[in-house]
Protein backbone atom coordinates (compact mmCIF):
# COMPACT_ATOMS: atom_id res chain seq x y z
CA MET A 1 56.05 178.15 193.12
CA MET A 2 54.42 178.94 189.77
CA ILE A 3 56.36 178.95 186.52
CA SER A 4 57.47 182.43 185.49
CA GLU A 5 56.42 184.06 182.22
CA GLU A 6 60.08 183.96 181.12
CA GLN A 7 60.33 180.21 181.78
CA LEU A 8 57.06 179.55 179.95
CA THR A 9 58.29 181.53 176.93
CA ALA A 10 61.57 179.58 176.96
CA LEU A 11 59.66 176.31 177.07
CA LYS A 12 57.38 177.30 174.20
CA THR A 13 60.36 178.45 172.14
CA SER A 14 62.17 175.20 172.83
CA ALA A 15 59.05 173.17 171.99
CA ASP A 16 58.86 174.94 168.62
CA ASN A 17 62.36 173.83 167.55
CA ASP A 18 62.54 172.24 164.11
CA ASP A 19 63.79 168.92 165.45
CA GLY A 20 61.01 168.80 168.06
CA MET A 21 63.37 166.94 170.36
CA SER A 22 65.10 169.43 172.63
CA ILE A 23 62.22 170.29 174.89
CA LYS A 24 63.92 170.73 178.25
CA SER A 25 64.50 174.35 179.09
CA PHE A 26 64.84 174.25 182.88
CA GLU A 27 67.54 172.92 185.17
CA THR A 28 64.97 170.58 186.71
CA TRP A 29 61.32 169.87 186.08
CA ASP A 30 60.68 170.87 189.70
CA GLU A 31 60.86 174.45 188.42
CA ALA A 32 57.84 173.79 186.22
CA ASP A 33 55.46 172.80 188.96
CA ASN A 34 52.21 173.35 187.13
CA TRP A 35 50.82 170.95 184.56
CA GLU A 36 50.67 173.15 181.48
CA PRO A 37 54.36 173.13 180.43
CA ALA A 38 54.64 169.34 180.57
CA HIS A 39 51.35 168.93 178.74
CA THR A 40 52.21 171.49 176.05
CA ALA A 41 55.72 170.13 175.52
CA GLY A 42 54.38 166.58 175.31
CA LYS A 43 51.82 167.49 172.66
CA SER A 44 54.51 169.22 170.61
CA TYR A 45 56.85 166.25 170.98
CA MET A 46 54.16 163.79 169.88
CA ALA A 47 53.20 165.92 166.87
CA GLU A 48 56.80 165.89 165.63
CA ASN A 49 57.43 162.26 166.55
CA GLY A 50 54.29 161.15 164.70
CA LYS A 51 55.74 162.52 161.43
CA LYS A 52 58.77 160.23 161.54
CA PRO A 53 58.94 157.23 159.21
CA GLY A 54 58.12 153.99 161.01
CA VAL A 55 56.16 155.67 163.81
CA PHE A 56 52.52 154.61 164.07
CA THR A 57 49.75 156.21 166.12
CA THR A 58 46.82 154.18 167.42
CA LYS A 59 43.26 155.50 167.78
CA SER A 60 43.89 156.06 171.50
CA GLY A 61 46.92 158.28 170.80
CA LEU A 62 49.65 155.78 171.68
CA GLN A 63 52.65 156.07 169.36
CA TYR A 64 54.89 153.11 168.67
CA GLU A 65 57.92 152.22 166.60
CA VAL A 66 59.21 148.70 166.02
CA LEU A 67 62.92 148.60 166.91
CA ILE A 68 63.48 144.82 166.69
CA GLU A 69 60.98 142.73 164.77
CA ARG A 70 60.71 138.95 164.63
CA ALA A 71 60.90 137.26 161.24
CA THR A 72 57.89 135.12 162.18
CA GLU A 73 54.97 136.01 164.40
CA GLY A 74 55.46 134.83 167.95
CA VAL A 75 53.30 134.75 171.06
CA ARG A 76 51.46 138.01 171.76
CA PRO A 77 50.19 138.81 175.26
CA LYS A 78 46.56 139.46 176.12
CA ALA A 79 45.51 142.25 178.48
CA SER A 80 45.21 139.78 181.37
CA ASP A 81 48.60 138.09 180.85
CA ILE A 82 51.70 138.25 182.99
CA VAL A 83 54.71 139.37 180.96
CA GLU A 84 58.46 139.48 181.45
CA VAL A 85 60.16 142.53 179.95
CA HIS A 86 63.25 144.67 179.91
CA TYR A 87 62.46 148.37 179.65
CA GLU A 88 63.65 151.91 180.11
CA GLY A 89 61.32 154.83 180.76
CA THR A 90 62.29 158.42 180.01
CA LEU A 91 60.73 161.83 179.94
CA ILE A 92 60.73 163.65 176.60
CA ASP A 93 63.92 165.46 177.62
CA GLY A 94 65.74 162.12 177.91
CA THR A 95 65.72 161.92 181.72
CA VAL A 96 65.54 158.27 182.77
CA PHE A 97 62.97 157.77 185.53
CA ASP A 98 62.79 153.95 185.58
CA SER A 99 64.84 151.16 184.04
CA SER A 100 64.94 147.41 184.51
CA ILE A 101 68.16 147.52 182.51
CA ILE A 102 69.87 149.77 185.07
CA ARG A 103 68.55 147.56 187.88
CA GLY A 104 70.01 144.56 186.04
CA GLU A 105 66.91 142.40 186.23
CA GLN A 106 63.91 141.85 184.03
CA ALA A 107 60.52 142.99 185.27
CA VAL A 108 57.52 140.66 185.58
CA PHE A 109 54.01 142.06 185.90
CA SER A 110 50.39 141.60 184.89
CA LEU A 111 49.34 143.78 181.95
CA ASP A 112 46.06 144.62 183.64
CA ARG A 113 47.95 146.32 186.50
CA VAL A 114 50.00 148.87 184.56
CA ILE A 115 49.28 152.13 182.77
CA SER A 116 46.90 151.71 179.85
CA GLY A 117 49.59 152.76 177.34
CA TRP A 118 51.60 149.69 178.37
CA THR A 119 48.58 147.39 178.30
CA GLU A 120 47.72 148.52 174.77
CA GLY A 121 51.29 148.65 173.48
CA LEU A 122 52.51 145.29 174.71
CA GLN A 123 49.56 143.54 173.06
CA LEU A 124 51.00 144.71 169.71
CA MET A 125 54.29 142.91 170.39
CA SER A 126 55.47 139.33 169.95
CA VAL A 127 58.00 137.66 172.25
CA GLY A 128 61.50 138.71 171.20
CA GLU A 129 60.48 142.08 169.79
CA LYS A 130 61.53 145.51 171.00
CA TYR A 131 59.32 148.59 170.60
CA ARG A 132 59.56 152.25 171.47
CA PHE A 133 56.32 153.67 172.89
CA VAL A 134 55.49 157.35 173.26
CA ILE A 135 52.62 157.49 175.71
CA PRO A 136 50.49 160.62 176.19
CA PRO A 137 49.48 161.53 179.75
CA GLU A 138 45.93 160.26 179.18
CA LEU A 139 47.36 156.72 178.76
CA ALA A 140 50.01 157.16 181.47
CA TYR A 141 49.68 158.86 184.87
CA GLY A 142 47.50 161.80 183.82
CA ASP A 143 47.56 164.67 186.27
CA ARG A 144 49.36 162.65 188.96
CA GLU A 145 52.99 163.42 189.79
CA LEU A 146 55.19 160.44 190.66
CA GLY A 147 58.39 159.95 192.59
CA GLY A 148 58.44 163.34 194.26
CA GLY A 149 58.44 165.08 190.89
CA ALA A 150 60.62 162.60 188.99
CA VAL A 151 57.63 162.22 186.67
CA PRO A 152 55.77 165.54 186.56
CA ALA A 153 51.99 165.62 186.25
CA ASN A 154 50.69 165.41 182.66
CA SER A 155 53.97 164.06 181.31
CA THR A 156 54.31 162.31 177.98
CA LEU A 157 56.44 159.22 178.61
CA ILE A 158 58.80 157.28 176.37
CA PHE A 159 59.48 153.60 176.93
CA GLU A 160 61.75 151.21 175.09
CA VAL A 161 60.39 147.76 175.86
CA GLU A 162 61.68 144.30 174.95
CA LEU A 163 59.11 141.53 175.42
CA ILE A 164 61.02 138.54 176.82
CA ASP A 165 58.21 136.14 177.72
CA VAL A 166 54.46 135.78 178.14
CA LYS A 167 53.70 133.74 181.24
CA GLY A 168 49.92 133.41 180.87
CA ASN A 169 47.42 134.95 183.26
CA LEU A 170 46.97 134.76 187.02
CA ASP A 171 44.89 131.59 186.56
CA GLY A 172 47.84 129.96 184.79
CA GLN A 173 46.10 130.00 181.41
CA ARG A 174 47.65 131.05 178.16
């Protein structure tokens, strides 16, 4: 099913709101089964988000905001390190699609095996810090849909991530 002209107009109108935050205009994202609405809404969201105080944008387009900062600089992971984190991932409409917090257990993974927005973003963090990342589709899943539509193709993703520990790399080096 293609998105109707009426739905596309509603999405564009919603994306043009002054607060830039209330993007969702459908009952479910399954109704918007082509890539353009998610891509357009994500660009609009990032444009507004990038104007907020405390939000930084890297050369690649990753946006980040420091939510909890350490008083002193701690250990920062490298791209090949294994990290332990708590996180919550949402779409720009606030829909949670993944959360270690909801699962009740921290996640452990190698930074070279995740989306590039995570690899880049976590290298900015020190152990004990919490950041909010807004990741454009080019640094996330691109034109791939995940979870049967839970994450539509070309979605901009938001993650709140707390870096708990850096475990070194697969060779056991730090």
